[in-house]
Amino acid sequence: MIWLWVLLSAAATIGGILWLGKLPAAARPLAGAAVMLGLAGYALQGSPSLPGKPVAAPEEPEGFGEALTDQRQGMAERFGPAAQWLGMSDGFARTGKTELAAKTLEKGLEKYPDNVDLWVGLGNALASHGGGMMSPAAALAFDEAAKRDPSHPAPPFFAGLALAQGGDLKGAEAVWSELLARSPADAPWRPDLEMRLAQIRQALGPRLPGEAADVSPGGVPN
């Protein structure tokens, strides 16, 4: 049945070339031969009867898609110049308008170019717009946030989260290990960070002693 549709499509293509395309008579045999050559190649290499097999996204430890909000992590201001821009961006992101979410934060950065929270939010929005993967643009945003305040925990935390969600568990483990090492014992984000880091290490399995990745200031592996 599938090959019947293939042949009908080829016939319709040839018919369209001959009658709708209004090719000169001398060029018609060449056009028909090109279609038949393509059909022969498909017959040799194509497998139309095989079922479709969608590509699976990289696996991530359970719960990594359920990041706590900035406010609950204690990493971002709840009020001030960044809050309104982050709120609008989050609203767009929740409705699937990830591009608009990123552009909203870009507008906010035009007014407050040194605001760490806006740069971190932009990194999150760009990663979300990329299907949860750490893109070069998202990595740059996290790096810009870290340059504004190297001691701020949000750039490496959310950079690590983007890496983990994208399947780069080794990168996330390196970033979060460095963040945990410099986090105060009473930091509000520390319990969640420890839990996520334990999940990462369990998923990675046994490691060689001293095995770690070099990371950039924003928490992205070099």
N, C-alpha and C. Protein backbone atom coordinates (compact mmCIF):
# COMPACT_ATOMS: atom_id res chain seq x y z
N MET A 1 0.84 -1.21 0.00
CA MET A 1 0.00 0.00 0.00
C MET A 1 0.87 1.26 0.00
N ILE A 2 1.96 1.22 0.78
CA ILE A 2 2.84 2.39 0.86
C ILE A 2 3.49 2.66 -0.48
N TRP A 3 3.95 1.57 -1.16
CA TRP A 3 4.57 1.78 -2.46
C TRP A 3 3.59 2.30 -3.50
N LEU A 4 2.30 1.97 -3.35
CA LEU A 4 1.30 2.51 -4.25
C LEU A 4 1.26 4.03 -4.15
N TRP A 5 1.30 4.55 -2.92
CA TRP A 5 1.30 6.00 -2.72
C TRP A 5 2.58 6.63 -3.28
N VAL A 6 3.71 5.92 -3.12
CA VAL A 6 4.97 6.44 -3.66
C VAL A 6 4.88 6.57 -5.17
N LEU A 7 4.35 5.52 -5.83
CA LEU A 7 4.22 5.56 -7.29
C LEU A 7 3.23 6.63 -7.75
N LEU A 8 2.11 6.77 -7.01
CA LEU A 8 1.15 7.82 -7.37
C LEU A 8 1.77 9.21 -7.22
N SER A 9 2.57 9.39 -6.19
CA SER A 9 3.24 10.69 -6.00
C SER A 9 4.21 10.96 -7.14
N ALA A 10 4.96 9.93 -7.54
CA ALA A 10 5.89 10.11 -8.65
C ALA A 10 5.15 10.46 -9.93
N ALA A 11 4.02 9.76 -10.17
CA ALA A 11 3.23 10.04 -11.37
C ALA A 11 2.68 11.46 -11.34
N ALA A 12 2.21 11.90 -10.17
CA ALA A 12 1.68 13.26 -10.06
C ALA A 12 2.78 14.29 -10.29
N THR A 13 4.00 13.99 -9.81
CA THR A 13 5.12 14.91 -10.02
C THR A 13 5.45 15.04 -11.49
N ILE A 14 5.52 13.89 -12.17
CA ILE A 14 5.82 13.93 -13.61
C ILE A 14 4.72 14.67 -14.37
N GLY A 15 3.45 14.40 -13.98
CA GLY A 15 2.35 15.09 -14.64
C GLY A 15 2.41 16.59 -14.43
N GLY A 16 2.76 17.00 -13.23
CA GLY A 16 2.87 18.43 -12.96
C GLY A 16 3.98 19.07 -13.76
N ILE A 17 5.08 18.34 -13.93
CA ILE A 17 6.19 18.88 -14.71
C ILE A 17 5.80 19.04 -16.17
N LEU A 18 5.10 18.04 -16.69
CA LEU A 18 4.78 18.05 -18.12
C LEU A 18 3.71 19.07 -18.47
N TRP A 19 2.64 19.12 -17.62
CA TRP A 19 1.50 19.97 -18.00
C TRP A 19 1.51 21.33 -17.29
N LEU A 20 1.74 21.34 -15.97
CA LEU A 20 1.73 22.61 -15.26
C LEU A 20 3.03 23.37 -15.41
N GLY A 21 4.14 22.64 -15.48
CA GLY A 21 5.44 23.29 -15.60
C GLY A 21 5.68 23.90 -16.96
N LYS A 22 4.95 23.41 -17.98
CA LYS A 22 5.09 23.93 -19.34
C LYS A 22 6.54 23.93 -19.82
N LEU A 23 7.21 22.79 -19.56
CA LEU A 23 8.59 22.67 -20.01
C LEU A 23 8.65 22.51 -21.52
N PRO A 24 9.73 22.95 -22.13
CA PRO A 24 9.91 22.69 -23.57
C PRO A 24 9.95 21.19 -23.83
N ALA A 25 9.54 20.79 -24.99
CA ALA A 25 9.48 19.37 -25.33
C ALA A 25 10.84 18.70 -25.19
N ALA A 26 11.90 19.43 -25.50
CA ALA A 26 13.24 18.83 -25.44
C ALA A 26 13.68 18.55 -24.01
N ALA A 27 13.13 19.29 -23.03
CA ALA A 27 13.55 19.13 -21.64
C ALA A 27 12.71 18.12 -20.88
N ARG A 28 11.57 17.70 -21.44
CA ARG A 28 10.67 16.80 -20.72
C ARG A 28 11.28 15.43 -20.43
N PRO A 29 11.96 14.81 -21.41
CA PRO A 29 12.56 13.50 -21.09
C PRO A 29 13.58 13.59 -19.95
N LEU A 30 14.35 14.67 -19.91
CA LEU A 30 15.35 14.83 -18.86
C LEU A 30 14.70 14.99 -17.49
N ALA A 31 13.60 15.77 -17.42
CA ALA A 31 12.90 15.96 -16.15
C ALA A 31 12.27 14.65 -15.67
N GLY A 32 11.67 13.91 -16.61
CA GLY A 32 11.09 12.63 -16.24
C GLY A 32 12.14 11.65 -15.76
N ALA A 33 13.32 11.67 -16.40
CA ALA A 33 14.40 10.77 -15.99
C ALA A 33 14.89 11.12 -14.59
N ALA A 34 14.91 12.41 -14.26
CA ALA A 34 15.35 12.83 -12.93
C ALA A 34 14.40 12.30 -11.86
N VAL A 35 13.09 12.37 -12.12
CA VAL A 35 12.11 11.85 -11.16
C VAL A 35 12.27 10.35 -11.00
N MET A 36 12.43 9.64 -12.11
CA MET A 36 12.56 8.18 -12.04
C MET A 36 13.86 7.78 -11.35
N LEU A 37 14.92 8.58 -11.54
CA LEU A 37 16.18 8.29 -10.86
C LEU A 37 16.02 8.43 -9.36
N GLY A 38 15.30 9.47 -8.94
CA GLY A 38 15.05 9.64 -7.51
C GLY A 38 14.21 8.51 -6.95
N LEU A 39 13.23 8.06 -7.70
CA LEU A 39 12.38 6.94 -7.27
C LEU A 39 13.19 5.65 -7.15
N ALA A 40 14.12 5.44 -8.10
CA ALA A 40 14.96 4.24 -8.05
C ALA A 40 15.88 4.28 -6.83
N GLY A 41 16.42 5.45 -6.54
CA GLY A 41 17.27 5.57 -5.37
C GLY A 41 16.51 5.31 -4.08
N TYR A 42 15.28 5.80 -4.02
CA TYR A 42 14.46 5.55 -2.82
C TYR A 42 14.12 4.08 -2.69
N ALA A 43 13.89 3.42 -3.83
CA ALA A 43 13.57 1.99 -3.79
C ALA A 43 14.73 1.18 -3.25
N LEU A 44 15.97 1.65 -3.53
CA LEU A 44 17.15 0.93 -3.05
C LEU A 44 17.44 1.19 -1.58
N GLN A 45 17.24 2.43 -1.12
CA GLN A 45 17.68 2.80 0.22
C GLN A 45 16.54 3.12 1.18
N GLY A 46 15.37 3.44 0.69
CA GLY A 46 14.27 3.84 1.57
C GLY A 46 13.63 2.64 2.25
N SER A 47 13.00 2.92 3.38
CA SER A 47 12.28 1.88 4.12
C SER A 47 10.95 2.45 4.60
N PRO A 48 10.00 2.69 3.68
CA PRO A 48 8.75 3.35 4.08
C PRO A 48 7.87 2.50 4.97
N SER A 49 8.10 1.20 5.00
CA SER A 49 7.25 0.33 5.81
C SER A 49 7.66 0.28 7.27
N LEU A 50 8.86 0.81 7.59
CA LEU A 50 9.31 0.78 8.98
C LEU A 50 8.53 1.79 9.81
N PRO A 51 8.21 1.48 11.06
CA PRO A 51 7.49 2.45 11.90
C PRO A 51 8.39 3.61 12.28
N GLY A 52 7.78 4.77 12.54
CA GLY A 52 8.54 5.93 12.95
C GLY A 52 9.17 5.71 14.32
N LYS A 53 10.31 6.36 14.53
CA LYS A 53 11.02 6.23 15.81
C LYS A 53 11.49 7.61 16.24
N PRO A 54 10.68 8.32 17.03
CA PRO A 54 11.08 9.67 17.46
C PRO A 54 12.32 9.62 18.32
N VAL A 55 13.16 10.64 18.19
CA VAL A 55 14.39 10.73 18.98
C VAL A 55 14.03 11.11 20.40
N ALA A 56 14.52 10.35 21.35
CA ALA A 56 14.23 10.62 22.75
C ALA A 56 15.15 11.70 23.28
N ALA A 57 14.63 12.56 24.14
CA ALA A 57 15.45 13.60 24.76
C ALA A 57 16.40 12.97 25.76
N PRO A 58 17.56 13.61 26.03
CA PRO A 58 18.49 13.06 27.01
C PRO A 58 17.82 12.89 28.36
N GLU A 59 18.15 11.77 29.02
CA GLU A 59 17.55 11.50 30.31
C GLU A 59 18.15 12.41 31.38
N GLU A 60 17.36 12.74 32.36
CA GLU A 60 17.81 13.53 33.48
C GLU A 60 17.24 12.92 34.74
N PRO A 61 17.91 13.11 35.88
CA PRO A 61 17.37 12.56 37.12
C PRO A 61 15.98 13.07 37.41
N GLU A 62 15.16 12.26 38.02
CA GLU A 62 13.78 12.60 38.31
C GLU A 62 13.69 13.86 39.16
N GLY A 63 12.81 14.77 38.79
CA GLY A 63 12.59 15.97 39.58
C GLY A 63 13.35 17.18 39.11
N PHE A 64 14.24 17.02 38.12
CA PHE A 64 15.05 18.16 37.70
C PHE A 64 14.25 19.17 36.90
N GLY A 65 13.11 18.79 36.38
CA GLY A 65 12.27 19.76 35.68
C GLY A 65 11.40 20.55 36.62
N GLU A 66 11.55 20.33 37.93
CA GLU A 66 10.71 20.99 38.92
C GLU A 66 11.55 21.90 39.80
N ALA A 67 12.29 22.82 39.17
CA ALA A 67 13.15 23.72 39.92
C ALA A 67 12.32 24.65 40.78
N LEU A 68 12.79 24.93 41.98
CA LEU A 68 12.12 25.90 42.83
C LEU A 68 12.28 27.28 42.23
N THR A 69 11.37 28.19 42.56
CA THR A 69 11.44 29.54 42.02
C THR A 69 12.63 30.28 42.62
N ASP A 70 13.02 31.36 41.97
CA ASP A 70 14.14 32.17 42.48
C ASP A 70 13.90 32.60 43.92
N GLN A 71 12.67 33.04 44.22
CA GLN A 71 12.39 33.56 45.55
C GLN A 71 12.55 32.48 46.61
N ARG A 72 12.05 31.27 46.34
CA ARG A 72 12.16 30.20 47.31
C ARG A 72 13.59 29.74 47.48
N GLN A 73 14.39 29.87 46.42
CA GLN A 73 15.79 29.53 46.54
C GLN A 73 16.55 30.59 47.35
N GLY A 74 15.96 31.76 47.54
CA GLY A 74 16.65 32.82 48.24
C GLY A 74 17.75 33.44 47.41
N MET A 75 17.65 33.33 46.09
CA MET A 75 18.73 33.78 45.22
C MET A 75 18.41 35.08 44.48
N ALA A 76 17.17 35.53 44.51
CA ALA A 76 16.80 36.72 43.76
C ALA A 76 15.92 37.62 44.59
N GLU A 77 15.94 38.89 44.25
CA GLU A 77 15.13 39.85 44.99
C GLU A 77 13.65 39.69 44.65
N ARG A 78 12.80 39.79 45.65
CA ARG A 78 11.37 39.66 45.42
C ARG A 78 10.76 40.98 44.97
N PHE A 79 11.45 42.07 45.25
CA PHE A 79 10.97 43.39 44.85
C PHE A 79 12.14 44.12 44.21
N GLY A 80 11.86 45.24 43.58
CA GLY A 80 12.93 46.01 42.95
C GLY A 80 12.83 45.98 41.45
N PRO A 81 13.84 46.54 40.76
CA PRO A 81 13.76 46.70 39.31
C PRO A 81 13.67 45.39 38.55
N ALA A 82 14.28 44.31 39.07
CA ALA A 82 14.27 43.05 38.33
C ALA A 82 12.96 42.30 38.47
N ALA A 83 12.27 42.48 39.60
CA ALA A 83 11.11 41.65 39.91
C ALA A 83 10.02 41.77 38.85
N GLN A 84 9.70 42.98 38.41
CA GLN A 84 8.61 43.14 37.46
C GLN A 84 8.94 42.51 36.11
N TRP A 85 10.20 42.64 35.69
CA TRP A 85 10.60 42.05 34.41
C TRP A 85 10.60 40.52 34.49
N LEU A 86 11.08 40.00 35.62
CA LEU A 86 11.07 38.55 35.81
C LEU A 86 9.64 38.02 35.87
N GLY A 87 8.75 38.77 36.52
CA GLY A 87 7.36 38.36 36.60
C GLY A 87 6.71 38.28 35.24
N MET A 88 6.93 39.31 34.41
CA MET A 88 6.35 39.30 33.06
C MET A 88 6.93 38.16 32.23
N SER A 89 8.23 37.96 32.34
CA SER A 89 8.87 36.89 31.59
C SER A 89 8.35 35.53 32.00
N ASP A 90 8.20 35.31 33.30
CA ASP A 90 7.67 34.04 33.79
C ASP A 90 6.26 33.80 33.26
N GLY A 91 5.46 34.86 33.18
CA GLY A 91 4.11 34.72 32.67
C GLY A 91 4.10 34.26 31.22
N PHE A 92 4.97 34.83 30.41
CA PHE A 92 5.06 34.40 29.01
C PHE A 92 5.56 32.96 28.92
N ALA A 93 6.55 32.62 29.74
CA ALA A 93 7.13 31.26 29.69
C ALA A 93 6.09 30.21 30.06
N ARG A 94 5.23 30.52 31.04
CA ARG A 94 4.22 29.55 31.47
C ARG A 94 3.20 29.26 30.38
N THR A 95 3.03 30.18 29.45
CA THR A 95 2.08 29.96 28.35
C THR A 95 2.79 29.48 27.08
N GLY A 96 4.06 29.12 27.21
CA GLY A 96 4.80 28.58 26.07
C GLY A 96 5.42 29.62 25.17
N LYS A 97 5.30 30.90 25.50
CA LYS A 97 5.87 31.97 24.67
C LYS A 97 7.30 32.26 25.13
N THR A 98 8.19 31.28 24.90
CA THR A 98 9.55 31.38 25.42
C THR A 98 10.37 32.48 24.74
N GLU A 99 10.13 32.69 23.47
CA GLU A 99 10.86 33.76 22.77
C GLU A 99 10.49 35.12 23.35
N LEU A 100 9.21 35.32 23.59
CA LEU A 100 8.75 36.58 24.17
C LEU A 100 9.27 36.73 25.60
N ALA A 101 9.39 35.62 26.32
CA ALA A 101 9.94 35.66 27.68
C ALA A 101 11.37 36.16 27.66
N ALA A 102 12.16 35.68 26.71
CA ALA A 102 13.56 36.12 26.60
C ALA A 102 13.64 37.58 26.16
N LYS A 103 12.81 37.98 25.21
CA LYS A 103 12.86 39.36 24.73
C LYS A 103 12.44 40.34 25.82
N THR A 104 11.53 39.92 26.70
CA THR A 104 11.13 40.77 27.81
C THR A 104 12.31 41.08 28.72
N LEU A 105 13.10 40.06 29.00
CA LEU A 105 14.27 40.27 29.87
C LEU A 105 15.36 41.07 29.16
N GLU A 106 15.46 40.92 27.85
CA GLU A 106 16.40 41.75 27.11
C GLU A 106 16.02 43.23 27.22
N LYS A 107 14.73 43.50 27.19
CA LYS A 107 14.26 44.88 27.37
C LYS A 107 14.62 45.38 28.77
N GLY A 108 14.43 44.53 29.77
CA GLY A 108 14.79 44.91 31.12
C GLY A 108 16.27 45.19 31.27
N LEU A 109 17.09 44.43 30.57
CA LEU A 109 18.55 44.63 30.65
C LEU A 109 18.98 45.91 29.95
N GLU A 110 18.17 46.41 29.03
CA GLU A 110 18.49 47.70 28.43
C GLU A 110 18.43 48.81 29.48
N LYS A 111 17.53 48.67 30.46
CA LYS A 111 17.41 49.66 31.53
C LYS A 111 18.35 49.36 32.69
N TYR A 112 18.57 48.07 32.97
CA TYR A 112 19.40 47.67 34.11
C TYR A 112 20.44 46.66 33.64
N PRO A 113 21.45 47.12 32.90
CA PRO A 113 22.41 46.19 32.28
C PRO A 113 23.29 45.43 33.27
N ASP A 114 23.36 45.87 34.51
CA ASP A 114 24.22 45.21 35.49
C ASP A 114 23.44 44.40 36.52
N ASN A 115 22.17 44.15 36.25
CA ASN A 115 21.34 43.41 37.20
C ASN A 115 21.57 41.91 37.03
N VAL A 116 22.11 41.28 38.06
CA VAL A 116 22.44 39.85 38.01
C VAL A 116 21.19 39.00 37.78
N ASP A 117 20.11 39.33 38.49
CA ASP A 117 18.89 38.52 38.40
C ASP A 117 18.32 38.52 36.99
N LEU A 118 18.41 39.66 36.31
CA LEU A 118 17.90 39.72 34.93
C LEU A 118 18.76 38.88 33.99
N TRP A 119 20.07 38.89 34.19
CA TRP A 119 20.94 38.07 33.35
C TRP A 119 20.68 36.58 33.58
N VAL A 120 20.49 36.21 34.86
CA VAL A 120 20.18 34.82 35.16
C VAL A 120 18.83 34.43 34.55
N GLY A 121 17.83 35.31 34.69
CA GLY A 121 16.53 35.04 34.10
C GLY A 121 16.62 34.87 32.60
N LEU A 122 17.47 35.70 31.96
CA LEU A 122 17.64 35.59 30.51
C LEU A 122 18.26 34.23 30.15
N GLY A 123 19.23 33.80 30.95
CA GLY A 123 19.82 32.48 30.70
C GLY A 123 18.79 31.38 30.80
N ASN A 124 17.93 31.46 31.82
CA ASN A 124 16.87 30.47 31.98
C ASN A 124 15.89 30.51 30.80
N ALA A 125 15.52 31.72 30.39
CA ALA A 125 14.55 31.87 29.29
C ALA A 125 15.12 31.34 27.98
N LEU A 126 16.40 31.60 27.74
CA LEU A 126 17.02 31.13 26.50
C LEU A 126 17.16 29.61 26.50
N ALA A 127 17.50 29.05 27.67
CA ALA A 127 17.57 27.59 27.76
C ALA A 127 16.20 26.97 27.53
N SER A 128 15.17 27.58 28.09
CA SER A 128 13.81 27.08 27.89
C SER A 128 13.40 27.20 26.43
N HIS A 129 13.76 28.31 25.79
CA HIS A 129 13.43 28.50 24.39
C HIS A 129 14.14 27.48 23.51
N GLY A 130 15.29 27.00 23.96
CA GLY A 130 16.03 25.98 23.22
C GLY A 130 15.62 24.57 23.55
N GLY A 131 14.45 24.40 24.14
CA GLY A 131 13.97 23.07 24.46
C GLY A 131 14.59 22.47 25.69
N GLY A 132 15.08 23.34 26.59
CA GLY A 132 15.69 22.85 27.81
C GLY A 132 17.18 22.59 27.69
N MET A 133 17.76 22.90 26.55
CA MET A 133 19.19 22.67 26.32
C MET A 133 19.98 23.94 26.59
N MET A 134 21.21 23.77 27.05
CA MET A 134 22.11 24.89 27.26
C MET A 134 22.66 25.34 25.92
N SER A 135 22.19 26.46 25.42
CA SER A 135 22.66 27.00 24.15
C SER A 135 23.83 27.95 24.41
N PRO A 136 24.61 28.30 23.38
CA PRO A 136 25.68 29.29 23.57
C PRO A 136 25.16 30.63 24.10
N ALA A 137 23.98 31.04 23.64
CA ALA A 137 23.41 32.30 24.11
C ALA A 137 23.06 32.22 25.60
N ALA A 138 22.49 31.09 26.03
CA ALA A 138 22.16 30.91 27.44
C ALA A 138 23.43 30.89 28.29
N ALA A 139 24.45 30.18 27.81
CA ALA A 139 25.72 30.13 28.54
C ALA A 139 26.33 31.52 28.68
N LEU A 140 26.23 32.33 27.62
CA LEU A 140 26.75 33.70 27.67
C LEU A 140 26.00 34.52 28.70
N ALA A 141 24.69 34.36 28.79
CA ALA A 141 23.90 35.11 29.76
C ALA A 141 24.30 34.74 31.20
N PHE A 142 24.49 33.45 31.46
CA PHE A 142 24.93 33.04 32.80
C PHE A 142 26.32 33.59 33.11
N ASP A 143 27.20 33.61 32.12
CA ASP A 143 28.54 34.16 32.33
C ASP A 143 28.48 35.66 32.62
N GLU A 144 27.60 36.38 31.91
CA GLU A 144 27.46 37.82 32.15
C GLU A 144 26.94 38.06 33.57
N ALA A 145 26.04 37.21 34.03
CA ALA A 145 25.53 37.35 35.40
C ALA A 145 26.66 37.15 36.41
N ALA A 146 27.49 36.14 36.18
CA ALA A 146 28.58 35.86 37.11
C ALA A 146 29.62 36.97 37.12
N LYS A 147 29.83 37.62 35.98
CA LYS A 147 30.79 38.72 35.93
C LYS A 147 30.31 39.90 36.77
N ARG A 148 29.00 40.11 36.84
CA ARG A 148 28.46 41.22 37.64
C ARG A 148 28.64 40.97 39.13
N ASP A 149 28.53 39.72 39.53
CA ASP A 149 28.68 39.39 40.96
C ASP A 149 29.19 37.96 41.07
N PRO A 150 30.52 37.77 41.13
CA PRO A 150 31.10 36.42 41.16
C PRO A 150 30.66 35.59 42.37
N SER A 151 30.21 36.25 43.45
CA SER A 151 29.81 35.51 44.64
C SER A 151 28.34 35.11 44.64
N HIS A 152 27.58 35.58 43.66
CA HIS A 152 26.14 35.31 43.61
C HIS A 152 25.91 33.83 43.29
N PRO A 153 25.04 33.14 44.03
CA PRO A 153 24.84 31.70 43.79
C PRO A 153 23.96 31.38 42.58
N ALA A 154 23.14 32.34 42.14
CA ALA A 154 22.17 32.02 41.09
C ALA A 154 22.80 31.65 39.75
N PRO A 155 23.83 32.36 39.26
CA PRO A 155 24.38 31.97 37.94
C PRO A 155 24.84 30.52 37.87
N PRO A 156 25.68 30.04 38.81
CA PRO A 156 26.07 28.63 38.70
C PRO A 156 24.94 27.65 39.00
N PHE A 157 24.02 28.03 39.91
CA PHE A 157 22.94 27.09 40.22
C PHE A 157 22.08 26.84 38.99
N PHE A 158 21.63 27.92 38.35
CA PHE A 158 20.72 27.75 37.22
C PHE A 158 21.46 27.32 35.96
N ALA A 159 22.76 27.65 35.86
CA ALA A 159 23.54 27.10 34.75
C ALA A 159 23.65 25.59 34.90
N GLY A 160 23.89 25.13 36.12
CA GLY A 160 23.94 23.69 36.37
C GLY A 160 22.61 23.02 36.09
N LEU A 161 21.53 23.69 36.44
CA LEU A 161 20.21 23.14 36.19
C LEU A 161 19.96 22.99 34.69
N ALA A 162 20.36 24.00 33.91
CA ALA A 162 20.19 23.92 32.45
C ALA A 162 21.03 22.79 31.86
N LEU A 163 22.24 22.62 32.38
CA LEU A 163 23.10 21.54 31.90
C LEU A 163 22.49 20.18 32.22
N ALA A 164 21.98 20.03 33.44
CA ALA A 164 21.38 18.76 33.85
C ALA A 164 20.14 18.44 33.02
N GLN A 165 19.30 19.43 32.79
CA GLN A 165 18.08 19.22 32.00
C GLN A 165 18.42 18.89 30.56
N GLY A 166 19.57 19.39 30.08
CA GLY A 166 19.99 19.09 28.72
C GLY A 166 20.74 17.79 28.58
N GLY A 167 20.98 17.08 29.69
CA GLY A 167 21.66 15.80 29.63
C GLY A 167 23.13 15.82 29.94
N ASP A 168 23.72 17.01 30.17
CA ASP A 168 25.15 17.11 30.49
C ASP A 168 25.32 16.98 32.00
N LEU A 169 25.24 15.74 32.50
CA LEU A 169 25.30 15.53 33.94
C LEU A 169 26.69 15.80 34.51
N LYS A 170 27.73 15.48 33.76
CA LYS A 170 29.09 15.75 34.24
C LYS A 170 29.32 17.25 34.39
N GLY A 171 28.85 18.01 33.41
CA GLY A 171 28.99 19.46 33.50
C GLY A 171 28.24 20.03 34.68
N ALA A 172 27.01 19.55 34.90
CA ALA A 172 26.21 20.02 36.03
C ALA A 172 26.87 19.65 37.35
N GLU A 173 27.43 18.46 37.43
CA GLU A 173 28.08 18.02 38.67
C GLU A 173 29.29 18.90 39.00
N ALA A 174 30.07 19.25 37.97
CA ALA A 174 31.23 20.10 38.19
C ALA A 174 30.82 21.50 38.68
N VAL A 175 29.80 22.06 38.04
CA VAL A 175 29.32 23.40 38.39
C VAL A 175 28.77 23.42 39.82
N TRP A 176 27.94 22.46 40.15
CA TRP A 176 27.30 22.45 41.46
C TRP A 176 28.27 22.08 42.58
N SER A 177 29.26 21.26 42.27
CA SER A 177 30.27 20.93 43.28
C SER A 177 31.02 22.18 43.70
N GLU A 178 31.37 23.00 42.71
CA GLU A 178 32.07 24.26 43.01
C GLU A 178 31.18 25.20 43.82
N LEU A 179 29.89 25.28 43.45
CA LEU A 179 28.97 26.14 44.18
C LEU A 179 28.79 25.66 45.62
N LEU A 180 28.64 24.36 45.80
CA LEU A 180 28.45 23.81 47.14
C LEU A 180 29.66 24.09 48.02
N ALA A 181 30.85 24.03 47.45
CA ALA A 181 32.07 24.23 48.22
C ALA A 181 32.16 25.64 48.80
N ARG A 182 31.53 26.61 48.12
CA ARG A 182 31.60 27.99 48.61
C ARG A 182 30.28 28.49 49.21
N SER A 183 29.32 27.60 49.37
CA SER A 183 28.03 27.99 49.95
C SER A 183 28.08 27.91 51.48
N PRO A 184 27.61 28.94 52.20
CA PRO A 184 27.55 28.88 53.66
C PRO A 184 26.69 27.72 54.14
N ALA A 185 26.97 27.24 55.33
CA ALA A 185 26.24 26.09 55.87
C ALA A 185 24.76 26.39 56.04
N ASP A 186 24.42 27.66 56.29
CA ASP A 186 23.01 28.01 56.52
C ASP A 186 22.36 28.64 55.29
N ALA A 187 22.97 28.51 54.12
CA ALA A 187 22.40 29.09 52.90
C ALA A 187 21.06 28.42 52.59
N PRO A 188 20.02 29.21 52.27
CA PRO A 188 18.69 28.62 52.02
C PRO A 188 18.65 27.68 50.83
N TRP A 189 19.57 27.84 49.88
CA TRP A 189 19.58 26.99 48.70
C TRP A 189 20.40 25.71 48.89
N ARG A 190 21.15 25.62 49.99
CA ARG A 190 22.08 24.50 50.15
C ARG A 190 21.39 23.13 50.21
N PRO A 191 20.31 22.93 50.99
CA PRO A 191 19.68 21.59 51.02
C PRO A 191 19.23 21.12 49.64
N ASP A 192 18.62 22.02 48.87
CA ASP A 192 18.16 21.64 47.54
C ASP A 192 19.35 21.33 46.64
N LEU A 193 20.40 22.12 46.76
CA LEU A 193 21.61 21.90 45.96
C LEU A 193 22.24 20.55 46.30
N GLU A 194 22.32 20.23 47.58
CA GLU A 194 22.89 18.95 47.99
C GLU A 194 22.06 17.78 47.45
N MET A 195 20.74 17.92 47.49
CA MET A 195 19.87 16.86 46.99
C MET A 195 20.08 16.64 45.50
N ARG A 196 20.13 17.72 44.73
CA ARG A 196 20.31 17.61 43.29
C ARG A 196 21.69 17.05 42.95
N LEU A 197 22.69 17.48 43.70
CA LEU A 197 24.04 17.00 43.45
C LEU A 197 24.15 15.50 43.75
N ALA A 198 23.47 15.05 44.80
CA ALA A 198 23.46 13.62 45.12
C ALA A 198 22.79 12.82 44.01
N GLN A 199 21.70 13.35 43.44
CA GLN A 199 21.03 12.68 42.33
C GLN A 199 21.94 12.58 41.11
N ILE A 200 22.65 13.67 40.85
CA ILE A 200 23.57 13.69 39.72
C ILE A 200 24.64 12.61 39.88
N ARG A 201 25.26 12.56 41.07
CA ARG A 201 26.35 11.61 41.31
C ARG A 201 25.86 10.18 41.26
N GLN A 202 24.65 9.95 41.73
CA GLN A 202 24.08 8.61 41.66
C GLN A 202 23.85 8.20 40.21
N ALA A 203 23.38 9.15 39.40
CA ALA A 203 23.14 8.86 37.99
C ALA A 203 24.44 8.62 37.23
N LEU A 204 25.49 9.34 37.62
CA LEU A 204 26.78 9.20 36.93
C LEU A 204 27.48 7.89 37.29
N GLY A 205 27.25 7.39 38.49
CA GLY A 205 27.91 6.17 38.91
C GLY A 205 29.32 6.43 39.41
N PRO A 206 30.11 5.37 39.59
CA PRO A 206 31.48 5.51 40.11
C PRO A 206 32.32 6.43 39.24
N ARG A 207 33.12 7.25 39.87
CA ARG A 207 34.01 8.19 39.17
C ARG A 207 35.44 7.94 39.56
N LEU A 208 36.37 8.29 38.68
CA LEU A 208 37.79 8.20 39.01
C LEU A 208 38.16 9.29 40.01
N PRO A 209 39.09 9.03 40.94
CA PRO A 209 39.49 10.05 41.91
C PRO A 209 40.01 11.31 41.23
N GLY A 210 39.48 12.45 41.65
CA GLY A 210 39.94 13.72 41.11
C GLY A 210 39.37 14.07 39.76
N GLU A 211 38.46 13.27 39.23
CA GLU A 211 37.88 13.55 37.92
C GLU A 211 36.88 14.68 38.04
N ALA A 212 37.08 15.77 37.31
CA ALA A 212 36.21 16.93 37.36
C ALA A 212 36.40 17.74 36.09
N ALA A 213 35.44 18.58 35.80
CA ALA A 213 35.51 19.43 34.60
C ALA A 213 35.85 20.85 34.99
N ASP A 214 36.60 21.52 34.10
CA ASP A 214 36.89 22.94 34.30
C ASP A 214 35.67 23.74 33.94
N VAL A 215 35.35 24.78 34.73
CA VAL A 215 34.15 25.55 34.49
C VAL A 215 34.49 27.02 34.35
N SER A 216 33.65 27.73 33.63
CA SER A 216 33.82 29.17 33.43
C SER A 216 33.24 29.91 34.62
N PRO A 217 33.44 31.25 34.71
CA PRO A 217 32.92 32.00 35.84
C PRO A 217 31.41 31.86 36.03
N GLY A 218 30.66 31.70 34.94
CA GLY A 218 29.21 31.58 35.06
C GLY A 218 28.75 30.17 35.38
N GLY A 219 29.68 29.24 35.51
CA GLY A 219 29.32 27.89 35.86
C GLY A 219 29.14 26.98 34.67
N VAL A 220 29.62 27.36 33.49
CA VAL A 220 29.48 26.54 32.30
C VAL A 220 30.82 25.88 32.01
N PRO A 221 30.85 24.53 31.85
CA PRO A 221 32.12 23.86 31.57
C PRO A 221 32.79 24.42 30.34
N ASN A 222 34.14 24.58 30.43
CA ASN A 222 34.90 25.08 29.29
C ASN A 222 35.21 23.94 28.32
